Protein backbone atom coordinates (compact mmCIF):
# COMPACT_ATOMS: atom_id res chain seq x y z
CA UNK A 1 20.11 -61.75 -14.05
CA UNK A 2 22.31 -63.84 -16.37
CA UNK A 3 21.70 -63.37 -20.10
CA UNK A 4 21.43 -66.26 -22.58
CA UNK A 5 24.70 -67.26 -24.20
CA UNK A 6 24.78 -66.12 -27.84
CA UNK A 7 26.09 -69.39 -29.22
CA UNK A 8 25.14 -68.71 -32.84
CA UNK A 9 26.88 -65.30 -32.96
CA UNK A 10 29.90 -66.68 -31.06
CA UNK A 11 30.12 -69.56 -33.52
CA UNK A 12 30.04 -67.22 -36.47
CA UNK A 13 32.82 -65.10 -34.93
CA UNK A 14 34.90 -68.17 -34.04
CA UNK A 15 34.82 -69.52 -37.62
CA UNK A 16 35.60 -66.07 -39.01
CA UNK A 17 38.59 -65.85 -36.69
CA UNK A 18 39.75 -69.27 -37.88
CA UNK A 19 40.03 -67.86 -41.39
CA UNK A 20 37.05 -69.56 -43.05
CA UNK A 21 35.96 -67.69 -46.19
CA UNK A 22 32.30 -67.66 -45.32
CA UNK A 23 30.41 -67.60 -41.99
CA UNK A 24 29.37 -70.83 -40.33
CA UNK A 25 26.15 -72.13 -41.93
CA UNK A 26 23.74 -74.31 -39.97
CA UNK A 27 22.24 -77.14 -41.90
CA UNK A 28 18.65 -76.57 -42.93
CA UNK A 29 16.18 -78.87 -44.65
CA UNK A 30 13.13 -78.11 -46.75
CA UNK A 31 11.81 -81.46 -45.58
CA UNK A 32 12.68 -82.58 -42.06
CA UNK A 33 14.41 -86.01 -42.15
CA UNK A 34 12.65 -87.42 -39.11
CA UNK A 35 10.13 -90.21 -38.95
CA UNK A 36 7.36 -91.24 -36.57
CA UNK A 37 8.18 -94.19 -34.29
CA UNK A 38 7.15 -97.52 -35.73
CA UNK A 39 6.35 -98.93 -32.31
CA UNK A 40 5.58 -97.48 -28.85
CA UNK A 41 8.39 -95.83 -26.96
CA UNK A 42 8.02 -98.44 -24.20
CA UNK A 43 8.89 -101.13 -26.80
CA UNK A 44 11.75 -99.16 -28.30
CA UNK A 45 15.50 -99.49 -28.08
CA UNK A 46 17.40 -96.19 -27.84
CA UNK A 47 20.74 -95.52 -29.54
CA UNK A 48 22.72 -92.71 -27.94
CA UNK A 49 24.86 -90.27 -29.92
CA UNK A 50 27.09 -87.63 -28.26
CA UNK A 51 29.32 -84.98 -29.80
CA UNK A 52 32.04 -85.67 -27.17
CA UNK A 53 35.00 -87.82 -28.15
CA UNK A 54 36.59 -90.92 -26.64
CA UNK A 55 40.05 -89.37 -26.67
CA UNK A 56 41.55 -85.95 -25.97
CA UNK A 57 42.05 -84.60 -29.46
CA UNK A 58 43.61 -81.44 -30.82
CA UNK A 59 41.57 -79.02 -32.90
CA UNK A 60 43.46 -80.09 -36.02
CA UNK A 61 43.04 -83.84 -35.47
CA UNK A 62 40.96 -85.76 -38.03
CA UNK A 63 37.35 -86.37 -36.91
CA UNK A 64 35.57 -89.71 -37.28
CA UNK A 65 32.59 -91.61 -35.97
CA UNK A 66 33.56 -93.69 -32.94
CA UNK A 67 31.66 -96.15 -30.69
CA UNK A 68 32.02 -97.57 -27.24
CA UNK A 69 30.17 -99.96 -24.90
CA UNK A 70 27.22 -98.66 -22.99
CA UNK A 71 27.63 -101.35 -20.33
CA UNK A 72 31.22 -100.28 -19.43
CA UNK A 73 31.59 -96.70 -20.63
CA UNK A 74 34.74 -94.69 -20.07
CA UNK A 75 34.83 -92.56 -16.92
CA UNK A 76 35.10 -89.41 -19.06
CA UNK A 77 34.81 -88.14 -22.57
CA UNK A 78 36.59 -85.21 -24.21
CA UNK A 79 35.55 -82.05 -26.02
CA UNK A 80 38.04 -79.36 -25.11
CA UNK A 81 38.87 -79.00 -28.82
CA UNK A 82 35.31 -77.86 -29.58
CA UNK A 83 33.87 -74.38 -29.34
CA UNK A 84 31.57 -74.08 -26.36
CA UNK A 85 31.34 -71.67 -23.49
CA UNK A 86 33.97 -73.08 -21.13
CA UNK A 87 33.24 -70.39 -18.56
CA UNK A 88 29.51 -71.22 -18.34
CA UNK A 89 29.79 -75.02 -18.30
CA UNK A 90 32.24 -77.89 -17.90
CA UNK A 91 32.80 -81.55 -18.73
CA UNK A 92 32.72 -82.83 -15.11
CA UNK A 93 29.13 -84.15 -15.36
CA UNK A 94 29.39 -86.95 -17.90
CA UNK A 95 25.67 -87.60 -17.51
CA UNK A 96 24.92 -84.20 -19.09
CA UNK A 97 26.29 -85.32 -22.46
CA UNK A 98 26.15 -89.13 -22.04
CA UNK A 99 22.94 -89.77 -20.05
CA UNK A 100 23.34 -93.48 -19.45
CA UNK A 101 22.07 -93.32 -15.86
CA UNK A 102 19.00 -91.39 -16.98
CA UNK A 103 18.34 -93.97 -19.73
CA UNK A 104 18.69 -96.77 -17.19
CA UNK A 105 16.00 -95.09 -15.08
CA UNK A 106 13.83 -94.80 -18.20
CA UNK A 107 14.26 -98.56 -18.69
CA UNK A 108 13.46 -99.32 -15.05
CA UNK A 109 10.31 -97.20 -15.19
CA UNK A 110 9.12 -98.78 -18.42
CA UNK A 111 9.42 -95.63 -20.47
CA UNK A 112 11.81 -97.37 -22.96
CA UNK A 113 12.58 -101.01 -23.53
CA UNK A 114 16.34 -100.68 -23.59
CA UNK A 115 19.47 -99.07 -24.98
CA UNK A 116 21.86 -100.28 -27.64
CA UNK A 117 25.08 -102.08 -26.64
CA UNK A 118 27.13 -99.13 -27.88
CA UNK A 119 26.91 -95.37 -27.77
CA UNK A 120 28.34 -93.39 -30.68
CA UNK A 121 30.46 -90.27 -30.91
CA UNK A 122 29.53 -87.97 -33.77
CA UNK A 123 32.36 -85.81 -35.09
CA UNK A 124 31.67 -82.11 -35.24
CA UNK A 125 32.62 -80.79 -38.64
CA UNK A 126 32.51 -77.38 -40.30
CA UNK A 127 31.49 -79.20 -43.46
CA UNK A 128 27.77 -79.91 -43.87
CA UNK A 129 28.70 -81.94 -46.96
CA UNK A 130 31.03 -84.26 -44.99
CA UNK A 131 28.42 -84.67 -42.25
CA UNK A 132 25.67 -85.51 -44.73
CA UNK A 133 27.76 -87.67 -47.09
CA UNK A 134 29.98 -89.54 -44.62
CA UNK A 135 29.31 -89.16 -40.87
CA UNK A 136 25.49 -89.29 -40.82
CA UNK A 137 25.33 -92.47 -42.99
CA UNK A 138 28.04 -94.12 -40.79
CA UNK A 139 26.06 -93.29 -37.65
CA UNK A 140 22.87 -94.63 -39.22
CA UNK A 141 24.70 -97.87 -40.19
CA UNK A 142 25.98 -98.35 -36.65
CA UNK A 143 22.54 -97.61 -35.15
CA UNK A 144 20.92 -100.13 -37.53
CA UNK A 145 23.55 -102.74 -36.66
CA UNK A 146 22.76 -102.15 -32.96
CA UNK A 147 19.03 -102.58 -33.77
CA UNK A 148 18.14 -99.12 -32.49
CA UNK A 149 14.53 -98.03 -32.95
CA UNK A 150 15.41 -94.38 -32.35
CA UNK A 151 18.40 -92.22 -31.71
CA UNK A 152 18.92 -89.67 -28.92
CA UNK A 153 21.43 -87.01 -29.98
CA UNK A 154 23.04 -85.24 -27.02
CA UNK A 155 25.25 -82.42 -28.26
CA UNK A 156 27.73 -80.81 -25.94
């Protein structure tokens, strides 16, 4: 029987091997920064965030928030520069990290009202500070501009 993949321990070892002075630290919050929906899900517009990228980047490339049309998305996204178990999974099923077809079915069934005109790519950073100070506010700004009522984060 297959055993669960030890992502947390693998991540700690990966960052140690990269030469970081301290082990990878997951963000934690004393107060959870989530809010109840202001309207029913069936009347809500969903913004989609993925950790995949629009281009094939190198591990040393700068990371930034990026956006692309949900009505004409690229045929593939990229994440080979990230740490994930490349033996246990793959990037061939775009729907697994960019579920636009599933969201379309949710619209057709009346579960949600719609999706935003763009999906967003969240950079994956070692720095919690950069994520909190720069990337998260930029994602929030883009979601607000798109009039999203909620965000669905689909990490790879």
